[in-house]
C-alpha atoms as a PDB file:
ATOM      1  CA  UNK A   1       0.000   0.000   0.000  1.00  0.00           C
ATOM      2  CA  UNK A   2       2.840   2.415   0.843  1.00  0.00           C
ATOM      3  CA  UNK A   3       4.632   1.728  -2.425  1.00  0.00           C
ATOM      4  CA  UNK A   4       1.336   2.436  -4.215  1.00  0.00           C
ATOM      5  CA  UNK A   5       1.115   5.761  -2.393  1.00  0.00           C
ATOM      6  CA  UNK A   6       4.684   6.585  -3.400  1.00  0.00           C
ATOM      7  CA  UNK A   7       3.886   5.734  -7.033  1.00  0.00           C
ATOM      8  CA  UNK A   8       0.825   7.997  -6.871  1.00  0.00           C
ATOM      9  CA  UNK A   9       3.038  10.802  -5.538  1.00  0.00           C
ATOM     10  CA  UNK A  10       5.511  10.285  -8.373  1.00  0.00           C
ATOM     11  CA  UNK A  11       2.696  10.416 -10.944  1.00  0.00           C
ATOM     12  CA  UNK A  12       1.631  13.775  -9.526  1.00  0.00           C
ATOM     13  CA  UNK A  13       5.200  15.059  -9.653  1.00  0.00           C
ATOM     14  CA  UNK A  14       5.653  13.859 -13.219  1.00  0.00           C
ATOM     15  CA  UNK A  15       2.394  15.463 -14.330  1.00  0.00           C
ATOM     16  CA  UNK A  16       3.367  18.767 -12.668  1.00  0.00           C
ATOM     17  CA  UNK A  17       6.872  18.882 -14.084  1.00  0.00           C
ATOM     18  CA  UNK A  18       7.625  16.454 -16.942  1.00  0.00           C
ATOM     19  CA  UNK A  19      11.375  17.128 -16.832  1.00  0.00           C
ATOM     20  CA  UNK A  20      11.562  15.572 -13.361  1.00  0.00           C
ATOM     21  CA  UNK A  21      10.758  12.208 -14.950  1.00  0.00           C
ATOM     22  CA  UNK A  22      14.027  12.295 -16.850  1.00  0.00           C
ATOM     23  CA  UNK A  23      15.976  13.201 -13.710  1.00  0.00           C
ATOM     24  CA  UNK A  24      14.350  10.485 -11.588  1.00  0.00           C
ATOM     25  CA  UNK A  25      14.816   7.921 -14.335  1.00  0.00           C
ATOM     26  CA  UNK A  26      18.593   8.173 -13.994  1.00  0.00           C
ATOM     27  CA  UNK A  27      18.690   8.343 -10.178  1.00  0.00           C
ATOM     28  CA  UNK A  28      19.355   5.319  -7.999  1.00  0.00           C
ATOM     29  CA  UNK A  29      16.230   4.224  -6.160  1.00  0.00           C
ATOM     30  CA  UNK A  30      15.833   5.128  -2.492  1.00  0.00           C
ATOM     31  CA  UNK A  31      13.545   3.705   0.129  1.00  0.00           C
ATOM     32  CA  UNK A  32      11.739   6.378   2.157  1.00  0.00           C
ATOM     33  CA  UNK A  33      11.594   4.040   5.173  1.00  0.00           C
ATOM     34  CA  UNK A  34      15.290   3.160   5.311  1.00  0.00           C
ATOM     35  CA  UNK A  35      17.901   5.101   7.267  1.00  0.00           C
ATOM     36  CA  UNK A  36      15.209   6.782   9.376  1.00  0.00           C
ATOM     37  CA  UNK A  37      17.006   8.947  11.938  1.00  0.00           C
ATOM     38  CA  UNK A  38      16.633   7.845  15.561  1.00  0.00           C
ATOM     39  CA  UNK A  39      15.609  11.231  16.900  1.00  0.00           C
ATOM     40  CA  UNK A  40      14.431  11.650  20.495  1.00  0.00           C
ATOM     41  CA  UNK A  41      12.787  14.996  19.713  1.00  0.00           C
ATOM     42  CA  UNK A  42      12.167  17.404  16.864  1.00  0.00           C
ATOM     43  CA  UNK A  43      12.095  16.713  13.143  1.00  0.00           C
ATOM     44  CA  UNK A  44      14.537  15.671  10.444  1.00  0.00           C
ATOM     45  CA  UNK A  45      14.350  17.141   6.920  1.00  0.00           C
ATOM     46  CA  UNK A  46      16.094  15.128   4.171  1.00  0.00           C
ATOM     47  CA  UNK A  47      16.289  16.658   0.704  1.00  0.00           C
ATOM     48  CA  UNK A  48      15.540  13.969  -1.869  1.00  0.00           C
ATOM     49  CA  UNK A  49      15.455  16.066  -5.026  1.00  0.00           C
ATOM     50  CA  UNK A  50      15.877  19.699  -5.997  1.00  0.00           C
ATOM     51  CA  UNK A  51      15.273  20.675  -9.608  1.00  0.00           C
ATOM     52  CA  UNK A  52      14.306  24.053 -11.025  1.00  0.00           C
ATOM     53  CA  UNK A  53      11.327  25.210  -8.931  1.00  0.00           C
ATOM     54  CA  UNK A  54      10.661  21.858  -7.182  1.00  0.00           C
ATOM     55  CA  UNK A  55      12.026  20.579  -3.852  1.00  0.00           C
ATOM     56  CA  UNK A  56      11.065  17.111  -2.608  1.00  0.00           C
ATOM     57  CA  UNK A  57      11.950  16.108   0.923  1.00  0.00           C
ATOM     58  CA  UNK A  58      11.311  13.394   3.464  1.00  0.00           C
ATOM     59  CA  UNK A  59      10.370  14.656   6.910  1.00  0.00           C
ATOM     60  CA  UNK A  60      10.544  12.448   9.997  1.00  0.00           C
ATOM     61  CA  UNK A  61       8.720  13.806  13.060  1.00  0.00           C
ATOM     62  CA  UNK A  62       8.952  12.668  16.654  1.00  0.00           C
ATOM     63  CA  UNK A  63       6.110  13.227  19.112  1.00  0.00           C
ATOM     64  CA  UNK A  64       8.166  16.052  20.685  1.00  0.00           C
ATOM     65  CA  UNK A  65       8.083  18.736  18.005  1.00  0.00           C
ATOM     66  CA  UNK A  66       8.396  22.493  18.107  1.00  0.00           C
ATOM     67  CA  UNK A  67       5.016  23.886  17.005  1.00  0.00           C
ATOM     68  CA  UNK A  68       6.739  26.450  14.786  1.00  0.00           C
ATOM     69  CA  UNK A  69       4.423  28.605  12.681  1.00  0.00           C
ATOM     70  CA  UNK A  70       5.402  28.539   8.999  1.00  0.00           C
ATOM     71  CA  UNK A  71       4.370  31.098   6.402  1.00  0.00           C
ATOM     72  CA  UNK A  72       6.312  30.118   3.303  1.00  0.00           C
ATOM     73  CA  UNK A  73       6.610  31.882  -0.062  1.00  0.00           C
ATOM     74  CA  UNK A  74       6.129  28.566  -1.924  1.00  0.00           C
ATOM     75  CA  UNK A  75       3.227  26.122  -2.292  1.00  0.00           C
ATOM     76  CA  UNK A  76       3.651  22.846  -0.427  1.00  0.00           C
ATOM     77  CA  UNK A  77       1.959  19.483  -0.839  1.00  0.00           C
ATOM     78  CA  UNK A  78       2.471  16.882   1.874  1.00  0.00           C
ATOM     79  CA  UNK A  79       1.596  13.205   2.142  1.00  0.00           C
ATOM     80  CA  UNK A  80       1.675  11.480   5.513  1.00  0.00           C
ATOM     81  CA  UNK A  81       3.213   8.100   4.705  1.00  0.00           C
ATOM     82  CA  UNK A  82       3.242   6.759   8.266  1.00  0.00           C
ATOM     83  CA  UNK A  83       1.723   7.770  11.598  1.00  0.00           C
ATOM     84  CA  UNK A  84      -0.927  10.280  12.623  1.00  0.00           C
ATOM     85  CA  UNK A  85      -0.647  14.054  12.845  1.00  0.00           C
ATOM     86  CA  UNK A  86      -2.631  17.176  13.530  1.00  0.00           C
ATOM     87  CA  UNK A  87      -1.954  20.332  11.507  1.00  0.00           C
ATOM     88  CA  UNK A  88      -3.151  23.857  12.023  1.00  0.00           C
ATOM     89  CA  UNK A  89      -3.818  25.470   8.658  1.00  0.00           C
ATOM     90  CA  UNK A  90      -4.984  29.108   8.669  1.00  0.00           C
ATOM     91  CA  UNK A  91      -6.275  28.653  12.226  1.00  0.00           C
ATOM     92  CA  UNK A  92      -8.216  25.436  11.481  1.00  0.00           C
ATOM     93  CA  UNK A  93      -7.149  22.026  12.797  1.00  0.00           C
ATOM     94  CA  UNK A  94      -6.802  19.113  10.380  1.00  0.00           C
ATOM     95  CA  UNK A  95      -6.301  15.489  11.465  1.00  0.00           C
ATOM     96  CA  UNK A  96      -4.159  13.367   9.157  1.00  0.00           C
ATOM     97  CA  UNK A  97      -3.634   9.602   9.100  1.00  0.00           C
ATOM     98  CA  UNK A  98      -1.411   7.388   7.000  1.00  0.00           C
ATOM     99  CA  UNK A  99      -2.064   8.059   3.321  1.00  0.00           C
ATOM    100  CA  UNK A 100      -3.676  11.485   3.808  1.00  0.00           C
ATOM    101  CA  UNK A 101      -2.463  14.462   1.800  1.00  0.00           C
ATOM    102  CA  UNK A 102      -2.746  18.205   2.233  1.00  0.00           C
ATOM    103  CA  UNK A 103      -2.046  21.110  -0.118  1.00  0.00           C
ATOM    104  CA  UNK A 104      -0.747  24.252   1.596  1.00  0.00           C
ATOM    105  CA  UNK A 105      -0.860  27.317  -0.675  1.00  0.00           C
ATOM    106  CA  UNK A 106       1.973  29.838  -0.484  1.00  0.00           C
ATOM    107  CA  UNK A 107       1.695  32.383   2.349  1.00  0.00           C
ATOM    108  CA  UNK A 108      -0.726  30.218   4.333  1.00  0.00           C
ATOM    109  CA  UNK A 109       0.162  30.169   8.045  1.00  0.00           C
ATOM    110  CA  UNK A 110       0.503  26.554   9.184  1.00  0.00           C
ATOM    111  CA  UNK A 111       2.100  24.362  11.839  1.00  0.00           C
ATOM    112  CA  UNK A 112       2.266  20.782  13.018  1.00  0.00           C
ATOM    113  CA  UNK A 113       0.461  20.623  16.363  1.00  0.00           C
ATOM    114  CA  UNK A 114       0.858  16.939  17.252  1.00  0.00           C
ATOM    115  CA  UNK A 115       2.354  13.740  15.863  1.00  0.00           C
ATOM    116  CA  UNK A 116       2.127  10.089  16.858  1.00  0.00           C
ATOM    117  CA  UNK A 117       4.761   8.263  18.886  1.00  0.00           C
ATOM    118  CA  UNK A 118       4.352   4.809  17.379  1.00  0.00           C
ATOM    119  CA  UNK A 119       4.591   4.771  14.549  1.00  0.00           C
ATOM    120  CA  UNK A 120       6.691   7.861  14.106  1.00  0.00           C
ATOM    121  CA  UNK A 121       5.453  10.230  11.391  1.00  0.00           C
ATOM    122  CA  UNK A 122       7.119  10.048   7.996  1.00  0.00           C
ATOM    123  CA  UNK A 123       6.076  12.651   5.440  1.00  0.00           C
ATOM    124  CA  UNK A 124       6.766  13.275   1.776  1.00  0.00           C
ATOM    125  CA  UNK A 125       6.760  17.015   1.076  1.00  0.00           C
ATOM    126  CA  UNK A 126       6.832  18.671  -2.326  1.00  0.00           C
ATOM    127  CA  UNK A 127       7.615  22.390  -2.383  1.00  0.00           C
ATOM    128  CA  UNK A 128       6.690  24.237  -5.562  1.00  0.00           C
ATOM    129  CA  UNK A 129       8.403  27.599  -5.863  1.00  0.00           C
ATOM    130  CA  UNK A 130       7.347  30.408  -8.171  1.00  0.00           C
ATOM    131  CA  UNK A 131       9.646  30.759 -11.177  1.00  0.00           C
ATOM    132  CA  UNK A 132      11.091  34.009  -9.804  1.00  0.00           C
ATOM    133  CA  UNK A 133      12.140  32.597  -6.393  1.00  0.00           C
END
């Protein structure tokens, strides 16, 4: 089921930016669930791909996170691959479970309020920057 979710994410990426297909085609494969950092608190951000106006990263969250408020200049799409989380998006709370996705438009205040302990949250995040950023 997780590999199906990852394939669905890749299809979205490829449809958004066809040139990424050619970059990914030549890259060695990586498993999003391997080499997960053994954090006791906070979050880990691992850049998987940066190309033109796209940044793809894996985020691993512990249950002890800083509820930092983000207000980013780029759009962001996230998929929760593992765990459960609660986001605050423009003042509204959103519960996410494994397989859920969320689109966060640029300049939308948001934060992660809570994340599960077991399993730990693993996210796939795609940042889409404007061409002039």
